Amino acid sequence: MGFVQTFRQKRRSSFQCAASLAALFLLAAPCFSQSKPGGQSAELPWTKDLNKYPGLLPEFSKLIGRLKHDVQYPPPRTESRLLPLLPASTVSYAAFPNYGDVTEQALKIFRQMAQQNPDVYLPSVAETLHVLGILDGSQNRVEESRAHYQEALRLLLKLSEGDHRYAGAVASVQASLEELEKKTSNQ
């Protein structure tokens, strides 16, 4: 009995020591990596963008307000029909509500705000269309998925004229559209 208690105490103290060291390294590492030599203050990367685009912060504030007040989010899940079907060896399980309707509502807001400020909101419209294309494709709504991908691609190609920042997003939407076409041609 004494051995078991000693083993548990050592295991507990080892765990506490490891947790303390992990916390120390996690907290200390960013402090040193953010400091500049010679007493210069560290500048956050996004502060340059705020100085470059002074209207950006008020626009995001307006967007957050609209998303909070105008979007009806689904209630949290409190039960699942799948949970009883999982094997006893399952370590973790998470149930998420369907955010397809929320994404449609957000798209409507992005479209409205893009009419007033296209430079800020058109990329969000395109990205949201891409997400909706993915959601529709996962639910075998092929025509809706294709329409969302094609509209996202049109917007991104328009945005990428003279601006290479959107090249990755264009390639991603093109790949999604090609994957959808491959999937439908095999059926």
N, C-alpha and C. Protein backbone atom coordinates (compact mmCIF):
# COMPACT_ATOMS: atom_id res chain seq x y z
N MET A 1 0.82 -1.19 0.00
CA MET A 1 0.00 0.00 0.00
C MET A 1 0.87 1.25 0.00
N GLY A 2 1.98 1.23 0.73
CA GLY A 2 2.87 2.38 0.80
C GLY A 2 3.48 2.69 -0.55
N PHE A 3 3.79 1.65 -1.33
CA PHE A 3 4.38 1.85 -2.65
C PHE A 3 3.42 2.58 -3.58
N VAL A 4 2.14 2.19 -3.55
CA VAL A 4 1.13 2.80 -4.43
C VAL A 4 0.96 4.27 -4.09
N GLN A 5 0.92 4.60 -2.78
CA GLN A 5 0.77 6.00 -2.38
C GLN A 5 2.00 6.81 -2.78
N THR A 6 3.18 6.25 -2.60
CA THR A 6 4.41 6.95 -2.98
C THR A 6 4.44 7.17 -4.48
N PHE A 7 4.06 6.15 -5.25
CA PHE A 7 4.04 6.25 -6.70
C PHE A 7 3.06 7.34 -7.15
N ARG A 8 1.88 7.38 -6.55
CA ARG A 8 0.89 8.40 -6.92
C ARG A 8 1.39 9.80 -6.58
N GLN A 9 2.03 9.95 -5.43
CA GLN A 9 2.55 11.26 -5.04
C GLN A 9 3.64 11.71 -6.01
N LYS A 10 4.54 10.78 -6.35
CA LYS A 10 5.61 11.14 -7.30
C LYS A 10 5.03 11.47 -8.67
N ARG A 11 4.03 10.70 -9.09
CA ARG A 11 3.42 10.95 -10.38
C ARG A 11 2.73 12.32 -10.37
N ARG A 12 2.02 12.65 -9.28
CA ARG A 12 1.35 13.94 -9.15
C ARG A 12 2.36 15.08 -9.15
N SER A 13 3.45 14.93 -8.40
CA SER A 13 4.44 16.02 -8.35
C SER A 13 5.16 16.14 -9.68
N SER A 14 5.39 15.02 -10.38
CA SER A 14 6.01 15.08 -11.70
C SER A 14 5.10 15.82 -12.68
N PHE A 15 3.83 15.53 -12.60
CA PHE A 15 2.87 16.19 -13.47
C PHE A 15 2.82 17.69 -13.18
N GLN A 16 2.81 18.06 -11.89
CA GLN A 16 2.78 19.48 -11.52
C GLN A 16 4.04 20.18 -11.99
N CYS A 17 5.18 19.51 -11.88
CA CYS A 17 6.45 20.10 -12.33
C CYS A 17 6.42 20.31 -13.85
N ALA A 18 5.96 19.29 -14.59
CA ALA A 18 5.89 19.40 -16.05
C ALA A 18 4.93 20.50 -16.47
N ALA A 19 3.78 20.58 -15.79
CA ALA A 19 2.81 21.63 -16.11
C ALA A 19 3.38 23.01 -15.82
N SER A 20 4.11 23.15 -14.72
CA SER A 20 4.72 24.44 -14.39
C SER A 20 5.76 24.83 -15.42
N LEU A 21 6.60 23.89 -15.85
CA LEU A 21 7.60 24.18 -16.86
C LEU A 21 6.96 24.55 -18.19
N ALA A 22 5.92 23.83 -18.57
CA ALA A 22 5.22 24.14 -19.83
C ALA A 22 4.63 25.55 -19.77
N ALA A 23 3.99 25.88 -18.65
CA ALA A 23 3.42 27.22 -18.51
C ALA A 23 4.50 28.29 -18.57
N LEU A 24 5.63 28.04 -17.93
CA LEU A 24 6.74 29.00 -17.93
C LEU A 24 7.24 29.24 -19.35
N PHE A 25 7.46 28.15 -20.10
CA PHE A 25 7.95 28.31 -21.47
C PHE A 25 6.92 28.97 -22.38
N LEU A 26 5.66 28.62 -22.20
CA LEU A 26 4.62 29.23 -23.03
C LEU A 26 4.47 30.72 -22.77
N LEU A 27 4.62 31.11 -21.52
CA LEU A 27 4.48 32.53 -21.18
C LEU A 27 5.74 33.32 -21.49
N ALA A 28 6.90 32.72 -21.32
CA ALA A 28 8.15 33.44 -21.50
C ALA A 28 8.55 33.57 -22.96
N ALA A 29 8.27 32.57 -23.77
CA ALA A 29 8.71 32.58 -25.17
C ALA A 29 8.20 33.79 -25.95
N PRO A 30 6.92 34.14 -25.89
CA PRO A 30 6.47 35.31 -26.66
C PRO A 30 7.11 36.61 -26.18
N CYS A 31 7.42 36.69 -24.91
CA CYS A 31 8.01 37.93 -24.39
C CYS A 31 9.35 38.20 -25.04
N PHE A 32 10.20 37.19 -25.15
CA PHE A 32 11.51 37.39 -25.73
C PHE A 32 11.44 37.52 -27.24
N SER A 33 10.55 36.81 -27.87
CA SER A 33 10.49 36.85 -29.33
C SER A 33 9.91 38.17 -29.83
N GLN A 34 9.19 38.90 -29.00
CA GLN A 34 8.58 40.15 -29.43
C GLN A 34 9.44 41.37 -29.12
N SER A 35 10.49 41.18 -28.34
CA SER A 35 11.30 42.34 -27.97
C SER A 35 12.30 42.66 -29.08
N LYS A 36 12.60 43.95 -29.22
CA LYS A 36 13.54 44.41 -30.23
C LYS A 36 14.83 44.84 -29.55
N PRO A 37 15.95 44.68 -30.23
CA PRO A 37 17.23 45.09 -29.62
C PRO A 37 17.32 46.60 -29.48
N GLY A 38 18.13 47.01 -28.56
CA GLY A 38 18.40 48.43 -28.39
C GLY A 38 17.27 49.21 -27.77
N GLY A 39 16.38 48.59 -27.06
CA GLY A 39 15.30 49.29 -26.38
C GLY A 39 14.20 49.79 -27.30
N GLN A 40 14.19 49.36 -28.57
CA GLN A 40 13.12 49.77 -29.48
C GLN A 40 11.84 49.05 -29.08
N SER A 41 10.73 49.72 -29.23
CA SER A 41 9.47 49.08 -28.90
C SER A 41 9.03 48.18 -30.05
N ALA A 42 8.43 47.06 -29.71
CA ALA A 42 7.94 46.13 -30.72
C ALA A 42 6.64 46.67 -31.31
N GLU A 43 6.56 46.67 -32.63
CA GLU A 43 5.36 47.15 -33.30
C GLU A 43 4.58 45.95 -33.81
N LEU A 44 3.31 45.94 -33.53
CA LEU A 44 2.47 44.84 -33.99
C LEU A 44 2.26 44.97 -35.49
N PRO A 45 2.27 43.84 -36.22
CA PRO A 45 2.17 43.91 -37.68
C PRO A 45 0.90 44.59 -38.18
N TRP A 46 -0.21 44.41 -37.50
CA TRP A 46 -1.46 44.97 -37.99
C TRP A 46 -1.58 46.47 -37.77
N THR A 47 -0.72 47.07 -36.91
CA THR A 47 -0.80 48.51 -36.70
C THR A 47 -0.40 49.28 -37.96
N LYS A 48 0.49 48.69 -38.76
CA LYS A 48 0.85 49.33 -40.04
C LYS A 48 -0.36 49.42 -40.95
N ASP A 49 -1.15 48.33 -41.00
CA ASP A 49 -2.35 48.33 -41.84
C ASP A 49 -3.37 49.35 -41.34
N LEU A 50 -3.50 49.47 -40.02
CA LEU A 50 -4.44 50.46 -39.49
C LEU A 50 -4.02 51.88 -39.83
N ASN A 51 -2.72 52.13 -39.79
CA ASN A 51 -2.22 53.46 -40.17
C ASN A 51 -2.37 53.70 -41.66
N LYS A 52 -2.20 52.64 -42.45
CA LYS A 52 -2.30 52.75 -43.90
C LYS A 52 -3.76 52.95 -44.35
N TYR A 53 -4.69 52.26 -43.64
CA TYR A 53 -6.11 52.33 -43.96
C TYR A 53 -6.87 52.79 -42.72
N PRO A 54 -6.96 54.09 -42.47
CA PRO A 54 -7.56 54.58 -41.23
C PRO A 54 -9.05 54.25 -41.07
N GLY A 55 -9.76 53.97 -42.13
CA GLY A 55 -11.18 53.66 -42.03
C GLY A 55 -11.47 52.19 -41.77
N LEU A 56 -10.42 51.37 -41.68
CA LEU A 56 -10.60 49.93 -41.55
C LEU A 56 -11.22 49.54 -40.21
N LEU A 57 -10.75 50.10 -39.13
CA LEU A 57 -11.25 49.73 -37.81
C LEU A 57 -12.73 50.09 -37.64
N PRO A 58 -13.17 51.29 -38.04
CA PRO A 58 -14.62 51.57 -37.95
C PRO A 58 -15.46 50.64 -38.82
N GLU A 59 -14.93 50.25 -39.99
CA GLU A 59 -15.67 49.32 -40.85
C GLU A 59 -15.83 47.97 -40.17
N PHE A 60 -14.76 47.46 -39.56
CA PHE A 60 -14.86 46.18 -38.87
C PHE A 60 -15.77 46.27 -37.66
N SER A 61 -15.76 47.39 -37.01
CA SER A 61 -16.67 47.59 -35.88
C SER A 61 -18.11 47.54 -36.35
N LYS A 62 -18.39 48.19 -37.48
CA LYS A 62 -19.74 48.18 -38.05
C LYS A 62 -20.13 46.74 -38.45
N LEU A 63 -19.19 46.02 -39.05
CA LEU A 63 -19.45 44.64 -39.46
C LEU A 63 -19.75 43.75 -38.26
N ILE A 64 -18.98 43.85 -37.22
CA ILE A 64 -19.20 43.03 -36.03
C ILE A 64 -20.57 43.34 -35.42
N GLY A 65 -20.93 44.60 -35.39
CA GLY A 65 -22.25 44.98 -34.89
C GLY A 65 -23.37 44.36 -35.71
N ARG A 66 -23.22 44.39 -37.04
CA ARG A 66 -24.24 43.79 -37.91
C ARG A 66 -24.32 42.28 -37.71
N LEU A 67 -23.17 41.63 -37.61
CA LEU A 67 -23.16 40.18 -37.43
C LEU A 67 -23.75 39.78 -36.09
N LYS A 68 -23.53 40.60 -35.06
CA LYS A 68 -24.10 40.29 -33.74
C LYS A 68 -25.62 40.45 -33.73
N HIS A 69 -26.10 41.51 -34.37
CA HIS A 69 -27.52 41.85 -34.25
C HIS A 69 -28.40 41.27 -35.36
N ASP A 70 -27.84 41.07 -36.55
CA ASP A 70 -28.66 40.69 -37.69
C ASP A 70 -28.59 39.21 -38.06
N VAL A 71 -27.72 38.46 -37.41
CA VAL A 71 -27.58 37.04 -37.73
C VAL A 71 -28.20 36.21 -36.60
N GLN A 72 -29.06 35.29 -36.98
CA GLN A 72 -29.69 34.39 -36.02
C GLN A 72 -28.84 33.12 -35.94
N TYR A 73 -28.12 32.97 -34.85
CA TYR A 73 -27.26 31.81 -34.67
C TYR A 73 -28.06 30.62 -34.15
N PRO A 74 -27.66 29.40 -34.51
CA PRO A 74 -28.40 28.23 -34.02
C PRO A 74 -28.15 28.03 -32.52
N PRO A 75 -29.10 27.42 -31.84
CA PRO A 75 -28.90 27.16 -30.41
C PRO A 75 -27.80 26.11 -30.23
N PRO A 76 -27.12 26.13 -29.10
CA PRO A 76 -26.09 25.11 -28.87
C PRO A 76 -26.72 23.72 -28.75
N ARG A 77 -25.98 22.75 -29.15
CA ARG A 77 -26.48 21.37 -29.07
C ARG A 77 -26.31 20.86 -27.65
N THR A 78 -27.35 20.24 -27.14
CA THR A 78 -27.29 19.68 -25.80
C THR A 78 -27.39 18.16 -25.82
N GLU A 79 -27.72 17.61 -26.98
CA GLU A 79 -27.80 16.16 -27.10
C GLU A 79 -27.50 15.76 -28.53
N SER A 80 -27.21 14.48 -28.72
CA SER A 80 -26.88 13.99 -30.04
C SER A 80 -27.38 12.56 -30.20
N ARG A 81 -27.85 12.27 -31.39
CA ARG A 81 -28.26 10.89 -31.68
C ARG A 81 -27.05 10.01 -31.96
N LEU A 82 -25.90 10.61 -32.29
CA LEU A 82 -24.71 9.85 -32.62
C LEU A 82 -23.94 9.37 -31.39
N LEU A 83 -24.05 10.10 -30.29
CA LEU A 83 -23.26 9.77 -29.11
C LEU A 83 -23.45 8.33 -28.63
N PRO A 84 -24.67 7.81 -28.55
CA PRO A 84 -24.82 6.42 -28.10
C PRO A 84 -24.22 5.40 -29.07
N LEU A 85 -24.00 5.78 -30.31
CA LEU A 85 -23.47 4.86 -31.31
C LEU A 85 -21.95 4.75 -31.29
N LEU A 86 -21.29 5.65 -30.57
CA LEU A 86 -19.83 5.64 -30.53
C LEU A 86 -19.31 4.50 -29.68
N PRO A 87 -18.15 3.94 -30.04
CA PRO A 87 -17.60 2.86 -29.22
C PRO A 87 -17.17 3.38 -27.85
N ALA A 88 -17.08 2.48 -26.90
CA ALA A 88 -16.72 2.84 -25.53
C ALA A 88 -15.31 3.42 -25.45
N SER A 89 -14.47 3.11 -26.41
CA SER A 89 -13.09 3.60 -26.39
C SER A 89 -12.95 5.04 -26.89
N THR A 90 -14.04 5.67 -27.27
CA THR A 90 -13.99 7.05 -27.77
C THR A 90 -13.50 7.97 -26.66
N VAL A 91 -12.50 8.77 -26.98
CA VAL A 91 -11.90 9.65 -26.00
C VAL A 91 -12.60 11.01 -25.97
N SER A 92 -12.94 11.55 -27.13
CA SER A 92 -13.61 12.84 -27.14
C SER A 92 -14.65 12.87 -28.26
N TYR A 93 -15.62 13.74 -28.10
CA TYR A 93 -16.70 13.89 -29.06
C TYR A 93 -17.19 15.32 -28.97
N ALA A 94 -17.43 15.93 -30.11
CA ALA A 94 -17.96 17.29 -30.13
C ALA A 94 -19.11 17.35 -31.13
N ALA A 95 -20.17 18.02 -30.76
CA ALA A 95 -21.32 18.19 -31.64
C ALA A 95 -21.49 19.67 -31.93
N PHE A 96 -21.55 20.02 -33.21
CA PHE A 96 -21.67 21.41 -33.61
C PHE A 96 -22.97 21.61 -34.37
N PRO A 97 -23.63 22.72 -34.14
CA PRO A 97 -24.86 22.98 -34.91
C PRO A 97 -24.52 23.28 -36.37
N ASN A 98 -25.51 23.19 -37.21
CA ASN A 98 -25.33 23.46 -38.63
C ASN A 98 -25.26 24.98 -38.84
N TYR A 99 -24.16 25.43 -39.41
CA TYR A 99 -23.97 26.86 -39.63
C TYR A 99 -24.23 27.28 -41.07
N GLY A 100 -24.92 26.44 -41.86
CA GLY A 100 -25.24 26.80 -43.24
C GLY A 100 -26.13 28.03 -43.32
N ASP A 101 -27.18 28.08 -42.50
CA ASP A 101 -28.08 29.24 -42.50
C ASP A 101 -27.36 30.50 -42.01
N VAL A 102 -26.50 30.34 -41.02
CA VAL A 102 -25.73 31.48 -40.50
C VAL A 102 -24.83 32.03 -41.61
N THR A 103 -24.22 31.14 -42.38
CA THR A 103 -23.34 31.57 -43.46
C THR A 103 -24.13 32.31 -44.54
N GLU A 104 -25.34 31.84 -44.83
CA GLU A 104 -26.20 32.54 -45.80
C GLU A 104 -26.55 33.94 -45.29
N GLN A 105 -26.85 34.06 -44.01
CA GLN A 105 -27.18 35.36 -43.43
C GLN A 105 -25.96 36.30 -43.48
N ALA A 106 -24.78 35.76 -43.16
CA ALA A 106 -23.55 36.56 -43.21
C ALA A 106 -23.28 37.02 -44.65
N LEU A 107 -23.52 36.13 -45.62
CA LEU A 107 -23.32 36.50 -47.02
C LEU A 107 -24.21 37.68 -47.41
N LYS A 108 -25.45 37.65 -46.95
CA LYS A 108 -26.38 38.75 -47.24
C LYS A 108 -25.83 40.07 -46.68
N ILE A 109 -25.30 40.04 -45.46
CA ILE A 109 -24.73 41.24 -44.84
C ILE A 109 -23.49 41.69 -45.60
N PHE A 110 -22.61 40.74 -45.96
CA PHE A 110 -21.40 41.09 -46.71
C PHE A 110 -21.76 41.73 -48.05
N ARG A 111 -22.77 41.19 -48.71
CA ARG A 111 -23.19 41.76 -50.01
C ARG A 111 -23.69 43.21 -49.84
N GLN A 112 -24.49 43.44 -48.80
CA GLN A 112 -25.00 44.79 -48.54
C GLN A 112 -23.85 45.75 -48.25
N MET A 113 -22.92 45.32 -47.43
CA MET A 113 -21.81 46.19 -47.06
C MET A 113 -20.83 46.38 -48.21
N ALA A 114 -20.74 45.38 -49.10
CA ALA A 114 -19.87 45.50 -50.27
C ALA A 114 -20.39 46.54 -51.25
N GLN A 115 -21.69 46.78 -51.25
CA GLN A 115 -22.23 47.84 -52.11
C GLN A 115 -21.73 49.20 -51.66
N GLN A 116 -21.53 49.37 -50.35
CA GLN A 116 -21.06 50.65 -49.82
C GLN A 116 -19.53 50.75 -49.84
N ASN A 117 -18.85 49.62 -49.60
CA ASN A 117 -17.39 49.64 -49.52
C ASN A 117 -16.83 48.35 -50.13
N PRO A 118 -16.79 48.27 -51.47
CA PRO A 118 -16.39 47.02 -52.12
C PRO A 118 -14.95 46.61 -51.82
N ASP A 119 -14.04 47.56 -51.66
CA ASP A 119 -12.64 47.20 -51.40
C ASP A 119 -12.48 46.40 -50.12
N VAL A 120 -13.31 46.68 -49.15
CA VAL A 120 -13.20 46.00 -47.86
C VAL A 120 -13.99 44.69 -47.86
N TYR A 121 -15.17 44.68 -48.46
CA TYR A 121 -16.09 43.55 -48.26
C TYR A 121 -16.18 42.54 -49.41
N LEU A 122 -15.76 42.89 -50.62
CA LEU A 122 -15.84 41.91 -51.70
C LEU A 122 -15.01 40.65 -51.43
N PRO A 123 -13.81 40.75 -50.85
CA PRO A 123 -13.09 39.50 -50.52
C PRO A 123 -13.88 38.62 -49.55
N SER A 124 -14.60 39.22 -48.62
CA SER A 124 -15.41 38.44 -47.69
C SER A 124 -16.60 37.79 -48.40
N VAL A 125 -17.17 38.49 -49.37
CA VAL A 125 -18.25 37.90 -50.15
C VAL A 125 -17.73 36.66 -50.89
N ALA A 126 -16.57 36.81 -51.52
CA ALA A 126 -16.00 35.69 -52.28
C ALA A 126 -15.67 34.51 -51.36
N GLU A 127 -15.07 34.77 -50.23
CA GLU A 127 -14.72 33.69 -49.30
C GLU A 127 -15.96 33.00 -48.74
N THR A 128 -16.99 33.77 -48.44
CA THR A 128 -18.23 33.19 -47.93
C THR A 128 -18.90 32.34 -49.01
N LEU A 129 -18.86 32.79 -50.25
CA LEU A 129 -19.39 31.98 -51.36
C LEU A 129 -18.63 30.67 -51.49
N HIS A 130 -17.32 30.72 -51.31
CA HIS A 130 -16.51 29.51 -51.36
C HIS A 130 -16.93 28.54 -50.25
N VAL A 131 -17.11 29.06 -49.05
CA VAL A 131 -17.53 28.22 -47.93
C VAL A 131 -18.90 27.60 -48.20
N LEU A 132 -19.82 28.39 -48.73
CA LEU A 132 -21.14 27.86 -49.07
C LEU A 132 -21.06 26.79 -50.16
N GLY A 133 -20.14 26.98 -51.10
CA GLY A 133 -19.93 25.95 -52.12
C GLY A 133 -19.46 24.64 -51.51
N ILE A 134 -18.58 24.75 -50.54
CA ILE A 134 -18.09 23.56 -49.84
C ILE A 134 -19.24 22.89 -49.08
N LEU A 135 -20.03 23.69 -48.35
CA LEU A 135 -21.16 23.13 -47.59
C LEU A 135 -22.17 22.46 -48.51
N ASP A 136 -22.51 23.13 -49.62
CA ASP A 136 -23.47 22.55 -50.56
C ASP A 136 -22.93 21.26 -51.18
N GLY A 137 -21.65 21.27 -51.53
CA GLY A 137 -21.04 20.07 -52.11
C GLY A 137 -21.04 18.90 -51.15
N SER A 138 -20.82 19.18 -49.86
CA SER A 138 -20.81 18.09 -48.87
C SER A 138 -22.20 17.51 -48.66
N GLN A 139 -23.23 18.25 -49.06
CA GLN A 139 -24.61 17.76 -48.92
C GLN A 139 -25.20 17.37 -50.28
N ASN A 140 -24.31 17.17 -51.26
CA ASN A 140 -24.69 16.72 -52.61
C ASN A 140 -25.67 17.67 -53.31
N ARG A 141 -25.59 18.95 -52.99
CA ARG A 141 -26.37 19.96 -53.73
C ARG A 141 -25.43 20.54 -54.78
N VAL A 142 -25.27 19.79 -55.84
CA VAL A 142 -24.23 20.06 -56.84
C VAL A 142 -24.44 21.39 -57.55
N GLU A 143 -25.65 21.67 -58.00
CA GLU A 143 -25.90 22.91 -58.75
C GLU A 143 -25.68 24.15 -57.88
N GLU A 144 -26.15 24.10 -56.63
CA GLU A 144 -25.93 25.23 -55.72
C GLU A 144 -24.44 25.41 -55.45
N SER A 145 -23.74 24.30 -55.25
CA SER A 145 -22.31 24.35 -55.00
C SER A 145 -21.58 24.97 -56.19
N ARG A 146 -21.90 24.50 -57.38
CA ARG A 146 -21.26 25.02 -58.59
C ARG A 146 -21.52 26.52 -58.74
N ALA A 147 -22.75 26.95 -58.50
CA ALA A 147 -23.09 28.37 -58.63
C ALA A 147 -22.29 29.22 -57.63
N HIS A 148 -22.17 28.73 -56.40
CA HIS A 148 -21.39 29.47 -55.40
C HIS A 148 -19.92 29.54 -55.78
N TYR A 149 -19.36 28.42 -56.23
CA TYR A 149 -17.95 28.42 -56.65
C TYR A 149 -17.72 29.36 -57.83
N GLN A 150 -18.61 29.32 -58.82
CA GLN A 150 -18.43 30.16 -60.00
C GLN A 150 -18.52 31.64 -59.67
N GLU A 151 -19.45 32.00 -58.80
CA GLU A 151 -19.55 33.41 -58.41
C GLU A 151 -18.32 33.84 -57.61
N ALA A 152 -17.87 32.97 -56.71
CA ALA A 152 -16.66 33.28 -55.92
C ALA A 152 -15.47 33.46 -56.86
N LEU A 153 -15.35 32.58 -57.83
CA LEU A 153 -14.24 32.67 -58.78
C LEU A 153 -14.30 33.95 -59.59
N ARG A 154 -15.50 34.34 -60.06
CA ARG A 154 -15.65 35.60 -60.81
C ARG A 154 -15.18 36.79 -59.97
N LEU A 155 -15.63 36.82 -58.71
CA LEU A 155 -15.25 37.94 -57.84
C LEU A 155 -13.75 37.96 -57.59
N LEU A 156 -13.18 36.79 -57.30
CA LEU A 156 -11.75 36.73 -57.00
C LEU A 156 -10.90 37.08 -58.22
N LEU A 157 -11.33 36.65 -59.40
CA LEU A 157 -10.59 37.02 -60.61
C LEU A 157 -10.64 38.53 -60.83
N LYS A 158 -11.79 39.12 -60.55
CA LYS A 158 -11.91 40.58 -60.66
C LYS A 158 -11.00 41.27 -59.63
N LEU A 159 -11.00 40.74 -58.41
CA LEU A 159 -10.15 41.33 -57.37
C LEU A 159 -8.66 41.14 -57.66
N SER A 160 -8.32 40.04 -58.32
CA SER A 160 -6.90 39.74 -58.53
C SER A 160 -6.28 40.49 -59.70
N GLU A 161 -7.10 41.21 -60.47
CA GLU A 161 -6.54 42.00 -61.57
C GLU A 161 -5.60 43.05 -61.00
N GLY A 162 -4.32 42.88 -61.24
CA GLY A 162 -3.32 43.82 -60.74
C GLY A 162 -3.00 43.66 -59.26
N ASP A 163 -3.55 42.66 -58.61
CA ASP A 163 -3.29 42.44 -57.18
C ASP A 163 -3.12 40.94 -56.95
N HIS A 164 -1.90 40.53 -56.72
CA HIS A 164 -1.59 39.10 -56.61
C HIS A 164 -1.92 38.51 -55.25
N ARG A 165 -2.45 39.32 -54.32
CA ARG A 165 -2.79 38.79 -52.99
C ARG A 165 -3.88 37.73 -53.06
N TYR A 166 -4.67 37.75 -54.11
CA TYR A 166 -5.81 36.84 -54.20
C TYR A 166 -5.50 35.59 -55.02
N ALA A 167 -4.27 35.41 -55.45
CA ALA A 167 -3.91 34.26 -56.29
C ALA A 167 -4.17 32.95 -55.56
N GLY A 168 -3.85 32.87 -54.29
CA GLY A 168 -4.08 31.65 -53.52
C GLY A 168 -5.56 31.33 -53.40
N ALA A 169 -6.37 32.35 -53.18
CA ALA A 169 -7.82 32.15 -53.06
C ALA A 169 -8.40 31.72 -54.41
N VAL A 170 -7.90 32.29 -55.50
CA VAL A 170 -8.35 31.89 -56.84
C VAL A 170 -8.04 30.42 -57.06
N ALA A 171 -6.81 30.02 -56.73
CA ALA A 171 -6.40 28.62 -56.92
C ALA A 171 -7.24 27.68 -56.06
N SER A 172 -7.55 28.10 -54.85
CA SER A 172 -8.35 27.27 -53.95
C SER A 172 -9.76 27.06 -54.49
N VAL A 173 -10.38 28.12 -54.97
CA VAL A 173 -11.74 28.00 -55.52
C VAL A 173 -11.72 27.18 -56.80
N GLN A 174 -10.71 27.39 -57.65
CA GLN A 174 -10.61 26.60 -58.87
C GLN A 174 -10.46 25.11 -58.54
N ALA A 175 -9.65 24.80 -57.54
CA ALA A 175 -9.46 23.40 -57.13
C ALA A 175 -10.77 22.82 -56.60
N SER A 176 -11.51 23.60 -55.84
CA SER A 176 -12.80 23.13 -55.32
C SER A 176 -13.78 22.86 -56.46
N LEU A 177 -13.79 23.75 -57.44
CA LEU A 177 -14.69 23.59 -58.58
C LEU A 177 -14.29 22.36 -59.40
N GLU A 178 -12.99 22.17 -59.62
CA GLU A 178 -12.52 20.98 -60.35
C GLU A 178 -12.87 19.70 -59.60
N GLU A 179 -12.72 19.71 -58.29
CA GLU A 179 -13.06 18.54 -57.47
C GLU A 179 -14.55 18.23 -57.58
N LEU A 180 -15.37 19.26 -57.58
CA LEU A 180 -16.82 19.06 -57.72
C LEU A 180 -17.13 18.45 -59.09
N GLU A 181 -16.49 18.96 -60.13
CA GLU A 181 -16.74 18.44 -61.48
C GLU A 181 -16.28 16.99 -61.58
N LYS A 182 -15.15 16.66 -60.96
CA LYS A 182 -14.67 15.28 -60.96
C LYS A 182 -15.64 14.36 -60.23
N LYS A 183 -16.13 14.85 -59.11
CA LYS A 183 -17.07 14.07 -58.30
C LYS A 183 -18.37 13.80 -59.05
N THR A 184 -18.87 14.81 -59.77
CA THR A 184 -20.13 14.64 -60.50
C THR A 184 -19.96 13.82 -61.76
N SER A 185 -18.79 13.86 -62.38
CA SER A 185 -18.58 13.06 -63.60
C SER A 185 -18.43 11.59 -63.27
N ASN A 186 -18.04 11.26 -62.04
CA ASN A 186 -17.89 9.86 -61.63
C ASN A 186 -19.21 9.23 -61.20
N GLN A 187 -20.24 10.04 -61.03
CA GLN A 187 -21.52 9.49 -60.55
C GLN A 187 -22.39 9.02 -61.67
